[in-house]
Amino acid sequence: MTPELITAAALLAPGAILGPVCLAGHRRARRRDAVEAAVCAAYRPGPPDEGPEPPPKGRMKGKPQAAPVRLAQVIDFPTNRRNAA
């Protein structure tokens, strides 16, 4: 065998082995994408859920609203750190 044939075989063999495997994966992914697209196209939202009945007018709405919950204090991240790696 000539060095050119050895080189060509060494370069083309992985492509010949892995090519069909990759193409089969792309084909499966294309089918799955087509199924997902069909499901999304067939989706029709239903009627909105009915909420709770509003309270009658002229009466209090029930419990008074609670005070808002205080969240943790947010601090700025230091831009200049002394022991930065």
Protein backbone atom coordinates (compact mmCIF):
# COMPACT_ATOMS: atom_id res chain seq x y z
CA MET A 1 0.00 0.00 0.00
CA THR A 2 1.17 3.45 -0.73
CA PRO A 3 1.34 6.13 1.95
CA GLU A 4 -1.42 8.05 0.16
CA LEU A 5 -3.84 5.14 0.49
CA ILE A 6 -2.94 4.65 4.16
CA THR A 7 -3.49 8.34 4.83
CA ALA A 8 -6.80 8.35 2.94
CA ALA A 9 -7.99 5.28 4.85
CA ALA A 10 -6.96 6.81 8.19
CA LEU A 11 -8.83 10.03 7.41
CA LEU A 12 -11.95 8.52 5.82
CA ALA A 13 -12.51 5.52 8.12
CA PRO A 14 -13.80 7.50 11.14
CA GLY A 15 -16.15 9.46 8.89
CA ALA A 16 -17.41 6.28 7.27
CA ILE A 17 -18.07 4.74 10.68
CA LEU A 18 -19.50 7.76 12.51
CA GLY A 19 -21.36 9.34 9.56
CA PRO A 20 -24.33 6.95 9.53
CA VAL A 21 -24.59 7.13 13.33
CA CYS A 22 -24.77 10.92 13.26
CA LEU A 23 -27.23 10.94 10.37
CA ALA A 24 -29.50 8.49 12.21
CA GLY A 25 -29.44 10.80 15.25
CA HIS A 26 -30.36 13.80 13.13
CA ARG A 27 -33.19 11.83 11.53
CA ARG A 28 -34.59 10.84 14.94
CA ALA A 29 -34.31 14.45 16.15
CA ARG A 30 -36.12 15.70 13.04
CA ARG A 31 -38.99 13.26 13.67
CA ARG A 32 -39.22 14.31 17.32
CA ASP A 33 -39.22 17.99 16.32
CA ALA A 34 -42.01 17.33 13.81
CA VAL A 35 -44.09 15.63 16.51
CA GLU A 36 -43.52 18.53 18.92
CA ALA A 37 -44.47 21.05 16.21
CA ALA A 38 -47.68 19.11 15.49
CA VAL A 39 -48.58 19.08 19.19
CA CYS A 40 -47.95 22.81 19.48
CA ALA A 41 -50.01 23.50 16.34
CA ALA A 42 -52.92 21.40 17.65
CA TYR A 43 -52.98 23.14 21.03
CA ARG A 44 -56.09 25.21 21.61
CA PRO A 45 -56.44 26.98 24.93
CA GLY A 46 -59.62 26.23 26.81
CA PRO A 47 -61.96 28.71 28.44
CA PRO A 48 -60.46 30.60 31.34
CA ASP A 49 -61.01 29.19 34.80
CA GLU A 50 -63.74 30.87 36.79
CA GLY A 51 -62.43 32.87 39.71
CA PRO A 52 -64.01 33.13 43.12
CA GLU A 53 -67.23 35.07 43.48
CA PRO A 54 -66.71 38.79 44.16
CA PRO A 55 -68.05 39.97 47.52
CA PRO A 56 -71.37 41.81 47.51
CA LYS A 57 -71.17 45.57 47.27
CA GLY A 58 -71.46 47.64 50.42
CA ARG A 59 -69.86 45.06 52.70
CA MET A 60 -66.29 44.67 53.86
CA LYS A 61 -64.20 42.29 51.86
CA GLY A 62 -63.36 40.18 54.89
CA LYS A 63 -59.98 40.18 56.58
CA PRO A 64 -57.95 43.37 56.57
CA GLN A 65 -54.86 43.17 54.44
CA ALA A 66 -51.71 42.15 56.27
CA ALA A 67 -48.63 44.34 56.29
CA PRO A 68 -46.22 43.55 53.44
CA VAL A 69 -43.43 41.14 54.30
CA ARG A 70 -40.00 42.71 54.47
CA LEU A 71 -37.43 41.10 52.24
CA ALA A 72 -33.72 40.72 52.90
CA GLN A 73 -31.54 43.73 52.34
CA VAL A 74 -29.75 43.70 48.98
CA ILE A 75 -26.18 44.95 48.85
CA ASP A 76 -24.04 45.74 45.83
CA PHE A 77 -21.44 43.19 44.84
CA PRO A 78 -18.00 44.73 45.36
CA THR A 79 -16.42 45.65 42.05
CA ASN A 80 -12.86 45.79 43.35
CA ARG A 81 -11.95 42.82 45.49
CA ARG A 82 -8.62 42.77 47.26
CA ASN A 83 -8.09 39.03 47.26
CA ALA A 84 -9.37 38.28 43.77
CA ALA A 85 -7.71 35.28 42.20
